[in-house]
Amino acid sequence: MNRKTVFDAVRRLLGRSFKQVEVEALDRALDAAMRNLDYAGNELALSDDGLDLIKEFEGCKLTAYPDPGTGGKPWTIGYGATRIDGRPVHPGETITQAQADKLLLVDIERHADPVRDMLGSAPTTQGQFDAMVSFAFNLGPDSLKRSTLFRKHMEGDYEGAANEFARWNKANGRVLRGLTRRRAAEASMYRGEAR
């Protein structure tokens, strides 16, 4: 990044020269941005923090259970997997923890790949990527793609995008406490706030 170009642009916006304290603050902001940003040339992958967030909210059950957000169908297992080796999960089915972990990694890539593709070369921090993958894992990549949240991210309105997470806390028209908590955690991760 050419810092002189950034400083010149900000100077023009302000219509004046910088004070030393402003130069130092802008330098710190640029340093922080460069630490956090990753562009298309450096393929983003879900971080351990993103994985932990998904695990926390999905929970892990080694016996098949009906999906509470869809009225019982499809049946899920592990961390929300609906398929094992291409076939649907059946009531009463059980798996091991190792199988649950393997299914989770497969499902994460199935959701992270489209998020990466949709973002293209748009500047995206690790936290933003992790939050959007968690969102897509829960609601599907198509929901993310059609959302105002995603549109705002692509426009560079990051605070507006972060505020959109809270709107996605309903299942079958009902506000769910677990979804409200998950969306708040995703918004926090998107903003780069420590958990």
N, C-alpha and C. Protein backbone atom coordinates (compact mmCIF):
# COMPACT_ATOMS: atom_id res chain seq x y z
N MET A 1 0.85 -1.18 0.00
CA MET A 1 0.00 0.00 0.00
C MET A 1 0.89 1.23 0.00
N ASN A 2 0.55 2.19 -0.84
CA ASN A 2 1.27 3.44 -0.90
C ASN A 2 0.66 4.40 0.11
N ARG A 3 1.32 4.56 1.24
CA ARG A 3 0.77 5.41 2.30
C ARG A 3 0.66 6.86 1.88
N LYS A 4 1.58 7.32 1.07
CA LYS A 4 1.54 8.72 0.62
C LYS A 4 0.21 9.00 -0.09
N THR A 5 -0.24 8.07 -0.93
CA THR A 5 -1.51 8.24 -1.63
C THR A 5 -2.66 8.36 -0.65
N VAL A 6 -2.65 7.52 0.39
CA VAL A 6 -3.71 7.57 1.41
C VAL A 6 -3.65 8.89 2.15
N PHE A 7 -2.46 9.28 2.60
CA PHE A 7 -2.32 10.54 3.34
C PHE A 7 -2.75 11.73 2.48
N ASP A 8 -2.36 11.73 1.19
CA ASP A 8 -2.75 12.83 0.30
C ASP A 8 -4.26 12.90 0.15
N ALA A 9 -4.91 11.74 0.02
CA ALA A 9 -6.37 11.71 -0.14
C ALA A 9 -7.06 12.25 1.11
N VAL A 10 -6.58 11.83 2.28
CA VAL A 10 -7.20 12.30 3.53
C VAL A 10 -6.94 13.80 3.70
N ARG A 11 -5.75 14.23 3.36
CA ARG A 11 -5.40 15.66 3.44
C ARG A 11 -6.36 16.49 2.57
N ARG A 12 -6.64 15.99 1.35
CA ARG A 12 -7.57 16.70 0.46
C ARG A 12 -8.98 16.73 1.06
N LEU A 13 -9.40 15.61 1.66
CA LEU A 13 -10.72 15.57 2.29
C LEU A 13 -10.83 16.58 3.44
N LEU A 14 -9.77 16.67 4.23
CA LEU A 14 -9.76 17.60 5.36
C LEU A 14 -9.62 19.05 4.92
N GLY A 15 -8.95 19.24 3.78
CA GLY A 15 -8.70 20.60 3.29
C GLY A 15 -7.63 21.31 4.09
N ARG A 16 -6.75 20.54 4.72
CA ARG A 16 -5.67 21.13 5.53
C ARG A 16 -4.57 20.10 5.74
N SER A 17 -3.48 20.55 6.34
CA SER A 17 -2.37 19.65 6.69
C SER A 17 -2.72 18.88 7.95
N PHE A 18 -1.95 17.83 8.19
CA PHE A 18 -2.13 17.02 9.40
C PHE A 18 -1.39 17.61 10.58
N LYS A 19 -1.94 17.35 11.76
CA LYS A 19 -1.21 17.57 13.00
C LYS A 19 -0.43 16.29 13.26
N GLN A 20 0.65 16.37 14.01
CA GLN A 20 1.48 15.20 14.27
C GLN A 20 0.68 14.06 14.91
N VAL A 21 -0.21 14.39 15.83
CA VAL A 21 -1.01 13.37 16.49
C VAL A 21 -1.91 12.66 15.47
N GLU A 22 -2.39 13.38 14.46
CA GLU A 22 -3.21 12.79 13.42
C GLU A 22 -2.39 11.87 12.51
N VAL A 23 -1.17 12.27 12.21
CA VAL A 23 -0.28 11.43 11.41
C VAL A 23 -0.05 10.10 12.12
N GLU A 24 0.22 10.16 13.41
CA GLU A 24 0.47 8.95 14.19
C GLU A 24 -0.78 8.07 14.26
N ALA A 25 -1.96 8.68 14.44
CA ALA A 25 -3.21 7.91 14.50
C ALA A 25 -3.50 7.24 13.16
N LEU A 26 -3.30 7.97 12.06
CA LEU A 26 -3.55 7.39 10.74
C LEU A 26 -2.55 6.27 10.45
N ASP A 27 -1.30 6.45 10.85
CA ASP A 27 -0.30 5.39 10.69
C ASP A 27 -0.72 4.12 11.43
N ARG A 28 -1.19 4.29 12.68
CA ARG A 28 -1.64 3.13 13.46
C ARG A 28 -2.83 2.45 12.79
N ALA A 29 -3.76 3.25 12.29
CA ALA A 29 -4.94 2.69 11.62
C ALA A 29 -4.53 1.92 10.37
N LEU A 30 -3.61 2.46 9.59
CA LEU A 30 -3.15 1.76 8.38
C LEU A 30 -2.41 0.48 8.74
N ASP A 31 -1.60 0.52 9.80
CA ASP A 31 -0.90 -0.69 10.24
C ASP A 31 -1.90 -1.78 10.64
N ALA A 32 -2.92 -1.39 11.39
CA ALA A 32 -3.93 -2.35 11.83
C ALA A 32 -4.68 -2.92 10.63
N ALA A 33 -5.02 -2.07 9.68
CA ALA A 33 -5.74 -2.53 8.49
C ALA A 33 -4.89 -3.52 7.70
N MET A 34 -3.62 -3.25 7.55
CA MET A 34 -2.76 -4.14 6.78
C MET A 34 -2.54 -5.47 7.49
N ARG A 35 -2.57 -5.47 8.81
CA ARG A 35 -2.45 -6.74 9.53
C ARG A 35 -3.68 -7.60 9.34
N ASN A 36 -4.84 -6.95 9.21
CA ASN A 36 -6.10 -7.68 9.17
C ASN A 36 -6.58 -8.03 7.77
N LEU A 37 -6.23 -7.25 6.78
CA LEU A 37 -6.77 -7.47 5.44
C LEU A 37 -6.07 -8.60 4.72
N ASP A 38 -6.85 -9.34 4.00
CA ASP A 38 -6.32 -10.40 3.16
C ASP A 38 -7.08 -10.31 1.85
N TYR A 39 -6.37 -10.32 0.75
CA TYR A 39 -6.99 -10.13 -0.55
C TYR A 39 -7.06 -11.44 -1.30
N ALA A 40 -7.71 -11.42 -2.45
CA ALA A 40 -7.96 -12.64 -3.23
C ALA A 40 -6.69 -13.43 -3.51
N GLY A 41 -5.55 -12.76 -3.65
CA GLY A 41 -4.30 -13.47 -3.90
C GLY A 41 -3.86 -14.34 -2.74
N ASN A 42 -4.38 -14.06 -1.56
CA ASN A 42 -4.07 -14.84 -0.36
C ASN A 42 -5.37 -15.46 0.12
N GLU A 43 -5.63 -16.66 -0.35
CA GLU A 43 -6.94 -17.28 -0.10
C GLU A 43 -7.25 -17.39 1.38
N LEU A 44 -8.38 -16.85 1.76
CA LEU A 44 -8.82 -16.92 3.14
C LEU A 44 -9.31 -18.32 3.47
N ALA A 45 -9.01 -18.75 4.67
CA ALA A 45 -9.50 -20.02 5.20
C ALA A 45 -10.07 -19.73 6.58
N LEU A 46 -11.04 -20.52 6.99
CA LEU A 46 -11.64 -20.33 8.30
C LEU A 46 -10.57 -20.48 9.37
N SER A 47 -10.51 -19.52 10.28
CA SER A 47 -9.53 -19.56 11.36
C SER A 47 -10.02 -20.46 12.50
N ASP A 48 -9.13 -20.71 13.46
CA ASP A 48 -9.53 -21.49 14.64
C ASP A 48 -10.64 -20.78 15.40
N ASP A 49 -10.59 -19.43 15.45
CA ASP A 49 -11.66 -18.69 16.14
C ASP A 49 -13.00 -18.90 15.43
N GLY A 50 -12.96 -18.88 14.09
CA GLY A 50 -14.19 -19.11 13.33
C GLY A 50 -14.72 -20.52 13.54
N LEU A 51 -13.82 -21.49 13.56
CA LEU A 51 -14.21 -22.88 13.80
C LEU A 51 -14.83 -23.03 15.19
N ASP A 52 -14.20 -22.40 16.19
CA ASP A 52 -14.72 -22.47 17.55
C ASP A 52 -16.11 -21.85 17.65
N LEU A 53 -16.34 -20.74 16.94
CA LEU A 53 -17.65 -20.10 16.96
C LEU A 53 -18.71 -21.04 16.39
N ILE A 54 -18.41 -21.67 15.26
CA ILE A 54 -19.36 -22.60 14.65
C ILE A 54 -19.62 -23.78 15.59
N LYS A 55 -18.57 -24.34 16.16
CA LYS A 55 -18.75 -25.48 17.08
C LYS A 55 -19.61 -25.09 18.28
N GLU A 56 -19.34 -23.90 18.82
CA GLU A 56 -20.08 -23.46 20.00
C GLU A 56 -21.58 -23.38 19.73
N PHE A 57 -21.95 -22.80 18.60
CA PHE A 57 -23.37 -22.59 18.35
C PHE A 57 -24.06 -23.78 17.70
N GLU A 58 -23.33 -24.59 16.98
CA GLU A 58 -23.95 -25.78 16.40
C GLU A 58 -24.11 -26.86 17.46
N GLY A 59 -23.15 -26.95 18.39
CA GLY A 59 -23.15 -28.03 19.36
C GLY A 59 -22.88 -29.35 18.64
N CYS A 60 -22.56 -30.36 19.37
CA CYS A 60 -22.26 -31.66 18.76
C CYS A 60 -23.11 -32.74 19.43
N LYS A 61 -23.87 -33.43 18.61
CA LYS A 61 -24.67 -34.56 19.09
C LYS A 61 -24.31 -35.76 18.24
N LEU A 62 -23.93 -36.83 18.89
CA LEU A 62 -23.48 -38.02 18.18
C LEU A 62 -24.62 -38.95 17.79
N THR A 63 -25.84 -38.62 18.20
CA THR A 63 -27.04 -39.35 17.77
C THR A 63 -27.91 -38.39 16.97
N ALA A 64 -28.47 -38.88 15.87
CA ALA A 64 -29.27 -38.04 14.97
C ALA A 64 -30.41 -37.36 15.72
N TYR A 65 -30.70 -36.13 15.33
CA TYR A 65 -31.77 -35.36 15.95
C TYR A 65 -32.46 -34.51 14.87
N PRO A 66 -33.73 -34.18 15.07
CA PRO A 66 -34.44 -33.35 14.08
C PRO A 66 -33.95 -31.90 14.18
N ASP A 67 -33.80 -31.25 13.05
CA ASP A 67 -33.35 -29.86 13.02
C ASP A 67 -34.42 -28.96 13.65
N PRO A 68 -34.10 -28.29 14.77
CA PRO A 68 -35.11 -27.48 15.45
C PRO A 68 -35.53 -26.25 14.66
N GLY A 69 -34.68 -25.76 13.79
CA GLY A 69 -34.99 -24.54 13.03
C GLY A 69 -35.91 -24.79 11.85
N THR A 70 -36.09 -26.03 11.46
CA THR A 70 -36.90 -26.31 10.26
C THR A 70 -38.10 -27.20 10.57
N GLY A 71 -38.41 -27.35 11.84
CA GLY A 71 -39.56 -28.16 12.20
C GLY A 71 -39.28 -29.65 12.14
N GLY A 72 -38.03 -30.04 12.20
CA GLY A 72 -37.70 -31.46 12.30
C GLY A 72 -37.07 -32.09 11.10
N LYS A 73 -37.11 -31.45 9.95
CA LYS A 73 -36.49 -32.04 8.76
C LYS A 73 -35.52 -31.05 8.19
N PRO A 74 -34.38 -31.44 7.75
CA PRO A 74 -33.87 -32.81 7.74
C PRO A 74 -33.32 -33.19 9.10
N TRP A 75 -33.02 -34.49 9.25
CA TRP A 75 -32.37 -34.96 10.46
C TRP A 75 -30.90 -34.55 10.39
N THR A 76 -30.34 -34.22 11.54
CA THR A 76 -28.95 -33.79 11.59
C THR A 76 -28.19 -34.62 12.61
N ILE A 77 -26.86 -34.50 12.51
CA ILE A 77 -25.99 -35.26 13.41
C ILE A 77 -24.66 -34.51 13.51
N GLY A 78 -23.92 -34.78 14.56
CA GLY A 78 -22.64 -34.11 14.74
C GLY A 78 -22.86 -32.62 14.96
N TYR A 79 -22.16 -31.80 14.16
CA TYR A 79 -22.27 -30.35 14.26
C TYR A 79 -23.24 -29.82 13.19
N GLY A 80 -24.36 -30.48 13.03
CA GLY A 80 -25.36 -30.00 12.09
C GLY A 80 -25.29 -30.63 10.71
N ALA A 81 -24.56 -31.73 10.56
CA ALA A 81 -24.49 -32.40 9.26
C ALA A 81 -25.83 -33.03 8.92
N THR A 82 -26.24 -32.89 7.68
CA THR A 82 -27.50 -33.49 7.23
C THR A 82 -27.27 -34.68 6.31
N ARG A 83 -25.99 -34.89 5.93
CA ARG A 83 -25.65 -36.00 5.03
C ARG A 83 -24.37 -36.66 5.51
N ILE A 84 -24.31 -37.97 5.31
CA ILE A 84 -23.10 -38.76 5.59
C ILE A 84 -22.79 -39.52 4.31
N ASP A 85 -21.62 -39.27 3.76
CA ASP A 85 -21.21 -39.92 2.51
C ASP A 85 -22.28 -39.78 1.42
N GLY A 86 -22.90 -38.60 1.36
CA GLY A 86 -23.87 -38.32 0.30
C GLY A 86 -25.30 -38.73 0.57
N ARG A 87 -25.55 -39.50 1.59
CA ARG A 87 -26.92 -39.94 1.89
C ARG A 87 -27.46 -39.16 3.10
N PRO A 88 -28.78 -39.00 3.17
CA PRO A 88 -29.36 -38.26 4.30
C PRO A 88 -29.14 -38.99 5.63
N VAL A 89 -29.07 -38.21 6.70
CA VAL A 89 -28.98 -38.76 8.05
C VAL A 89 -30.34 -39.35 8.41
N HIS A 90 -30.33 -40.49 9.06
CA HIS A 90 -31.56 -41.20 9.44
C HIS A 90 -31.81 -41.10 10.94
N PRO A 91 -33.09 -41.08 11.36
CA PRO A 91 -33.40 -41.09 12.78
C PRO A 91 -32.73 -42.29 13.47
N GLY A 92 -32.19 -42.04 14.67
CA GLY A 92 -31.57 -43.11 15.44
C GLY A 92 -30.12 -43.40 15.08
N GLU A 93 -29.61 -42.79 14.02
CA GLU A 93 -28.22 -43.03 13.59
C GLU A 93 -27.24 -42.45 14.60
N THR A 94 -26.11 -43.11 14.77
CA THR A 94 -25.06 -42.60 15.67
C THR A 94 -23.73 -42.57 14.93
N ILE A 95 -22.84 -41.68 15.41
CA ILE A 95 -21.49 -41.57 14.87
C ILE A 95 -20.52 -41.37 16.02
N THR A 96 -19.23 -41.46 15.74
CA THR A 96 -18.20 -41.20 16.75
C THR A 96 -17.82 -39.72 16.70
N GLN A 97 -17.09 -39.28 17.72
CA GLN A 97 -16.61 -37.90 17.74
C GLN A 97 -15.69 -37.64 16.55
N ALA A 98 -14.84 -38.61 16.22
CA ALA A 98 -13.93 -38.45 15.07
C ALA A 98 -14.73 -38.27 13.77
N GLN A 99 -15.81 -39.02 13.63
CA GLN A 99 -16.66 -38.86 12.44
C GLN A 99 -17.33 -37.49 12.43
N ALA A 100 -17.77 -37.03 13.59
CA ALA A 100 -18.40 -35.71 13.69
C ALA A 100 -17.42 -34.61 13.28
N ASP A 101 -16.18 -34.73 13.76
CA ASP A 101 -15.15 -33.73 13.42
C ASP A 101 -14.86 -33.74 11.92
N LYS A 102 -14.81 -34.93 11.33
CA LYS A 102 -14.55 -35.04 9.88
C LYS A 102 -15.71 -34.44 9.08
N LEU A 103 -16.93 -34.77 9.47
CA LEU A 103 -18.11 -34.21 8.79
C LEU A 103 -18.13 -32.69 8.88
N LEU A 104 -17.73 -32.16 10.04
CA LEU A 104 -17.71 -30.71 10.22
C LEU A 104 -16.74 -30.06 9.23
N LEU A 105 -15.55 -30.60 9.10
CA LEU A 105 -14.56 -30.00 8.19
C LEU A 105 -15.05 -30.04 6.74
N VAL A 106 -15.70 -31.12 6.36
CA VAL A 106 -16.26 -31.22 5.00
C VAL A 106 -17.35 -30.16 4.81
N ASP A 107 -18.24 -30.03 5.80
CA ASP A 107 -19.33 -29.06 5.71
C ASP A 107 -18.80 -27.63 5.71
N ILE A 108 -17.74 -27.37 6.48
CA ILE A 108 -17.18 -26.02 6.51
C ILE A 108 -16.67 -25.63 5.12
N GLU A 109 -15.94 -26.51 4.48
CA GLU A 109 -15.44 -26.18 3.14
C GLU A 109 -16.57 -26.01 2.15
N ARG A 110 -17.62 -26.79 2.32
CA ARG A 110 -18.79 -26.68 1.43
C ARG A 110 -19.45 -25.30 1.57
N HIS A 111 -19.27 -24.66 2.71
CA HIS A 111 -19.84 -23.33 2.92
C HIS A 111 -18.79 -22.23 2.73
N ALA A 112 -17.54 -22.49 3.04
CA ALA A 112 -16.49 -21.48 2.90
C ALA A 112 -16.17 -21.22 1.43
N ASP A 113 -16.16 -22.26 0.59
CA ASP A 113 -15.82 -22.08 -0.83
C ASP A 113 -16.73 -21.06 -1.51
N PRO A 114 -18.06 -21.18 -1.39
CA PRO A 114 -18.90 -20.17 -2.05
C PRO A 114 -18.72 -18.77 -1.47
N VAL A 115 -18.47 -18.67 -0.16
CA VAL A 115 -18.25 -17.35 0.44
C VAL A 115 -17.00 -16.73 -0.17
N ARG A 116 -15.93 -17.50 -0.28
CA ARG A 116 -14.69 -17.02 -0.92
C ARG A 116 -14.96 -16.56 -2.35
N ASP A 117 -15.71 -17.37 -3.09
CA ASP A 117 -16.02 -17.03 -4.49
C ASP A 117 -16.84 -15.75 -4.58
N MET A 118 -17.82 -15.60 -3.70
CA MET A 118 -18.68 -14.41 -3.73
C MET A 118 -17.89 -13.15 -3.40
N LEU A 119 -16.93 -13.27 -2.47
CA LEU A 119 -16.14 -12.11 -2.07
C LEU A 119 -15.18 -11.66 -3.16
N GLY A 120 -14.71 -12.59 -3.96
CA GLY A 120 -13.76 -12.24 -5.01
C GLY A 120 -12.58 -11.49 -4.42
N SER A 121 -12.30 -10.31 -4.94
CA SER A 121 -11.14 -9.54 -4.47
C SER A 121 -11.54 -8.44 -3.49
N ALA A 122 -12.78 -8.47 -2.99
CA ALA A 122 -13.21 -7.45 -2.03
C ALA A 122 -12.38 -7.53 -0.76
N PRO A 123 -11.87 -6.40 -0.29
CA PRO A 123 -11.10 -6.41 0.96
C PRO A 123 -11.94 -7.01 2.09
N THR A 124 -11.37 -8.00 2.76
CA THR A 124 -12.09 -8.73 3.80
C THR A 124 -11.10 -9.14 4.88
N THR A 125 -11.42 -8.81 6.12
CA THR A 125 -10.55 -9.24 7.22
C THR A 125 -10.84 -10.70 7.55
N GLN A 126 -9.95 -11.29 8.32
CA GLN A 126 -10.16 -12.67 8.76
C GLN A 126 -11.44 -12.79 9.56
N GLY A 127 -11.67 -11.84 10.47
CA GLY A 127 -12.89 -11.86 11.28
C GLY A 127 -14.15 -11.72 10.45
N GLN A 128 -14.11 -10.87 9.44
CA GLN A 128 -15.26 -10.72 8.56
C GLN A 128 -15.54 -12.02 7.82
N PHE A 129 -14.48 -12.64 7.30
CA PHE A 129 -14.64 -13.90 6.58
C PHE A 129 -15.21 -14.97 7.51
N ASP A 130 -14.63 -15.11 8.69
CA ASP A 130 -15.09 -16.12 9.64
C ASP A 130 -16.57 -15.93 9.98
N ALA A 131 -16.97 -14.68 10.22
CA ALA A 131 -18.37 -14.39 10.57
C ALA A 131 -19.30 -14.75 9.42
N MET A 132 -18.90 -14.43 8.19
CA MET A 132 -19.76 -14.73 7.05
C MET A 132 -19.82 -16.23 6.78
N VAL A 133 -18.73 -16.96 7.04
CA VAL A 133 -18.78 -18.42 6.87
C VAL A 133 -19.69 -19.03 7.92
N SER A 134 -19.64 -18.54 9.16
CA SER A 134 -20.53 -19.04 10.20
C SER A 134 -21.99 -18.77 9.81
N PHE A 135 -22.27 -17.58 9.31
CA PHE A 135 -23.60 -17.22 8.84
C PHE A 135 -24.05 -18.17 7.74
N ALA A 136 -23.17 -18.39 6.75
CA ALA A 136 -23.50 -19.27 5.62
C ALA A 136 -23.65 -20.72 6.09
N PHE A 137 -22.86 -21.14 7.06
CA PHE A 137 -22.96 -22.49 7.60
C PHE A 137 -24.34 -22.71 8.21
N ASN A 138 -24.85 -21.67 8.86
CA ASN A 138 -26.14 -21.76 9.55
C ASN A 138 -27.33 -21.57 8.60
N LEU A 139 -27.21 -20.63 7.67
CA LEU A 139 -28.36 -20.25 6.83
C LEU A 139 -28.19 -20.56 5.35
N GLY A 140 -27.00 -20.95 4.96
CA GLY A 140 -26.74 -21.26 3.56
C GLY A 140 -26.08 -20.11 2.82
N PRO A 141 -25.17 -20.41 1.90
CA PRO A 141 -24.49 -19.37 1.14
C PRO A 141 -25.44 -18.50 0.32
N ASP A 142 -26.54 -19.06 -0.18
CA ASP A 142 -27.49 -18.25 -0.96
C ASP A 142 -28.14 -17.17 -0.11
N SER A 143 -28.44 -17.48 1.14
CA SER A 143 -29.01 -16.47 2.04
C SER A 143 -28.02 -15.33 2.23
N LEU A 144 -26.75 -15.66 2.40
CA LEU A 144 -25.72 -14.63 2.54
C LEU A 144 -25.65 -13.79 1.27
N LYS A 145 -25.61 -14.45 0.13
CA LYS A 145 -25.45 -13.75 -1.14
C LYS A 145 -26.59 -12.75 -1.40
N ARG A 146 -27.81 -13.10 -1.01
CA ARG A 146 -28.98 -12.23 -1.25
C ARG A 146 -29.17 -11.18 -0.15
N SER A 147 -28.36 -11.24 0.90
CA SER A 147 -28.60 -10.40 2.07
C SER A 147 -28.08 -8.97 1.90
N THR A 148 -28.72 -8.06 2.62
CA THR A 148 -28.24 -6.69 2.71
C THR A 148 -26.89 -6.67 3.40
N LEU A 149 -26.69 -7.59 4.33
CA LEU A 149 -25.41 -7.71 5.03
C LEU A 149 -24.27 -7.84 4.01
N PHE A 150 -24.42 -8.78 3.07
CA PHE A 150 -23.38 -9.02 2.07
C PHE A 150 -23.23 -7.82 1.14
N ARG A 151 -24.36 -7.24 0.72
CA ARG A 151 -24.29 -6.08 -0.17
C ARG A 151 -23.52 -4.95 0.50
N LYS A 152 -23.82 -4.71 1.77
CA LYS A 152 -23.12 -3.64 2.49
C LYS A 152 -21.64 -3.94 2.63
N HIS A 153 -21.30 -5.19 2.88
CA HIS A 153 -19.88 -5.55 2.96
C HIS A 153 -19.19 -5.23 1.64
N MET A 154 -19.80 -5.64 0.55
CA MET A 154 -19.18 -5.43 -0.77
C MET A 154 -19.07 -3.94 -1.11
N GLU A 155 -19.94 -3.11 -0.54
CA GLU A 155 -19.88 -1.66 -0.75
C GLU A 155 -18.88 -0.99 0.19
N GLY A 156 -18.31 -1.76 1.12
CA GLY A 156 -17.36 -1.20 2.07
C GLY A 156 -18.01 -0.57 3.29
N ASP A 157 -19.32 -0.78 3.46
CA ASP A 157 -20.04 -0.26 4.63
C ASP A 157 -19.98 -1.35 5.71
N TYR A 158 -18.83 -1.46 6.36
CA TYR A 158 -18.60 -2.57 7.28
C TYR A 158 -19.43 -2.46 8.55
N GLU A 159 -19.62 -1.25 9.06
CA GLU A 159 -20.46 -1.12 10.26
C GLU A 159 -21.92 -1.44 9.92
N GLY A 160 -22.37 -0.97 8.77
CA GLY A 160 -23.72 -1.30 8.32
C GLY A 160 -23.90 -2.80 8.15
N ALA A 161 -22.89 -3.47 7.59
CA ALA A 161 -22.95 -4.93 7.43
C ALA A 161 -23.01 -5.61 8.79
N ALA A 162 -22.18 -5.17 9.71
CA ALA A 162 -22.16 -5.78 11.05
C ALA A 162 -23.53 -5.64 11.72
N ASN A 163 -24.18 -4.51 11.52
CA ASN A 163 -25.49 -4.29 12.13
C ASN A 163 -26.57 -5.20 11.54
N GLU A 164 -26.36 -5.70 10.33
CA GLU A 164 -27.35 -6.54 9.66
C GLU A 164 -27.46 -7.95 10.26
N PHE A 165 -26.40 -8.42 10.93
CA PHE A 165 -26.44 -9.78 11.50
C PHE A 165 -27.66 -9.97 12.39
N ALA A 166 -27.96 -8.95 13.20
CA ALA A 166 -29.05 -9.06 14.18
C ALA A 166 -30.41 -9.34 13.55
N ARG A 167 -30.58 -8.99 12.28
CA ARG A 167 -31.88 -9.19 11.61
C ARG A 167 -32.16 -10.67 11.34
N TRP A 168 -31.16 -11.52 11.43
CA TRP A 168 -31.28 -12.93 11.04
C TRP A 168 -31.38 -13.83 12.27
N ASN A 169 -32.33 -13.53 13.15
CA ASN A 169 -32.44 -14.29 14.41
C ASN A 169 -33.75 -15.05 14.54
N LYS A 170 -34.41 -15.30 13.40
CA LYS A 170 -35.71 -15.98 13.43
C LYS A 170 -35.67 -17.30 12.68
N ALA A 171 -36.48 -18.24 13.14
CA ALA A 171 -36.72 -19.50 12.43
C ALA A 171 -38.23 -19.71 12.44
N ASN A 172 -38.78 -19.97 11.27
CA ASN A 172 -40.23 -20.13 11.14
C ASN A 172 -40.98 -18.93 11.73
N GLY A 173 -40.42 -17.71 11.55
CA GLY A 173 -41.07 -16.49 12.01
C GLY A 173 -40.91 -16.19 13.49
N ARG A 174 -40.26 -17.06 14.24
CA ARG A 174 -40.08 -16.88 15.69
C ARG A 174 -38.64 -16.46 16.00
N VAL A 175 -38.49 -15.47 16.87
CA VAL A 175 -37.17 -15.09 17.35
C VAL A 175 -36.67 -16.20 18.26
N LEU A 176 -35.46 -16.70 17.97
CA LEU A 176 -34.86 -17.73 18.81
C LEU A 176 -33.68 -17.14 19.57
N ARG A 177 -33.65 -17.40 20.87
CA ARG A 177 -32.59 -16.87 21.71
C ARG A 177 -31.21 -17.33 21.24
N GLY A 178 -31.10 -18.60 20.83
CA GLY A 178 -29.82 -19.12 20.36
C GLY A 178 -29.34 -18.41 19.10
N LEU A 179 -30.28 -18.11 18.19
CA LEU A 179 -29.90 -17.38 16.97
C LEU A 179 -29.54 -15.93 17.29
N THR A 180 -30.23 -15.34 18.24
CA THR A 180 -29.90 -13.97 18.64
C THR A 180 -28.48 -13.92 19.19
N ARG A 181 -28.13 -14.89 20.04
CA ARG A 181 -26.77 -14.95 20.59
C ARG A 181 -25.74 -15.21 19.50
N ARG A 182 -26.06 -16.11 18.57
CA ARG A 182 -25.12 -16.45 17.49
C ARG A 182 -24.88 -15.22 16.61
N ARG A 183 -25.96 -14.53 16.23
CA ARG A 183 -25.79 -13.37 15.36
C ARG A 183 -24.97 -12.28 16.07
N ALA A 184 -25.16 -12.11 17.38
CA ALA A 184 -24.38 -11.12 18.13
C ALA A 184 -22.90 -11.52 18.13
N ALA A 185 -22.61 -12.81 18.30
CA ALA A 185 -21.22 -13.28 18.29
C ALA A 185 -20.61 -13.11 16.90
N GLU A 186 -21.39 -13.38 15.85
CA GLU A 186 -20.88 -13.20 14.48
C GLU A 186 -20.60 -11.73 14.20
N ALA A 187 -21.50 -10.86 14.63
CA ALA A 187 -21.30 -9.41 14.42
C ALA A 187 -20.05 -8.95 15.13
N SER A 188 -19.84 -9.43 16.35
CA SER A 188 -18.65 -9.09 17.12
C SER A 188 -17.38 -9.56 16.40
N MET A 189 -17.42 -10.79 15.90
CA MET A 189 -16.27 -11.33 15.17
C MET A 189 -16.06 -10.53 13.90
N TYR A 190 -17.11 -10.18 13.21
CA TYR A 190 -17.02 -9.39 11.98
C TYR A 190 -16.33 -8.06 12.26
N ARG A 191 -16.65 -7.46 13.40
CA ARG A 191 -16.06 -6.16 13.78
C ARG A 191 -14.61 -6.30 14.27
N GLY A 192 -14.18 -7.53 14.49
CA GLY A 192 -12.82 -7.74 14.98
C GLY A 192 -12.69 -7.60 16.49
N GLU A 193 -13.81 -7.69 17.18
CA GLU A 193 -13.80 -7.57 18.63
C GLU A 193 -13.40 -8.90 19.25
N ALA A 194 -12.65 -8.83 20.33
CA ALA A 194 -12.21 -10.06 21.01
C ALA A 194 -13.40 -10.73 21.67
N ARG A 195 -13.35 -12.07 21.68
CA ARG A 195 -14.43 -12.84 22.31
C ARG A 195 -14.03 -13.23 23.71
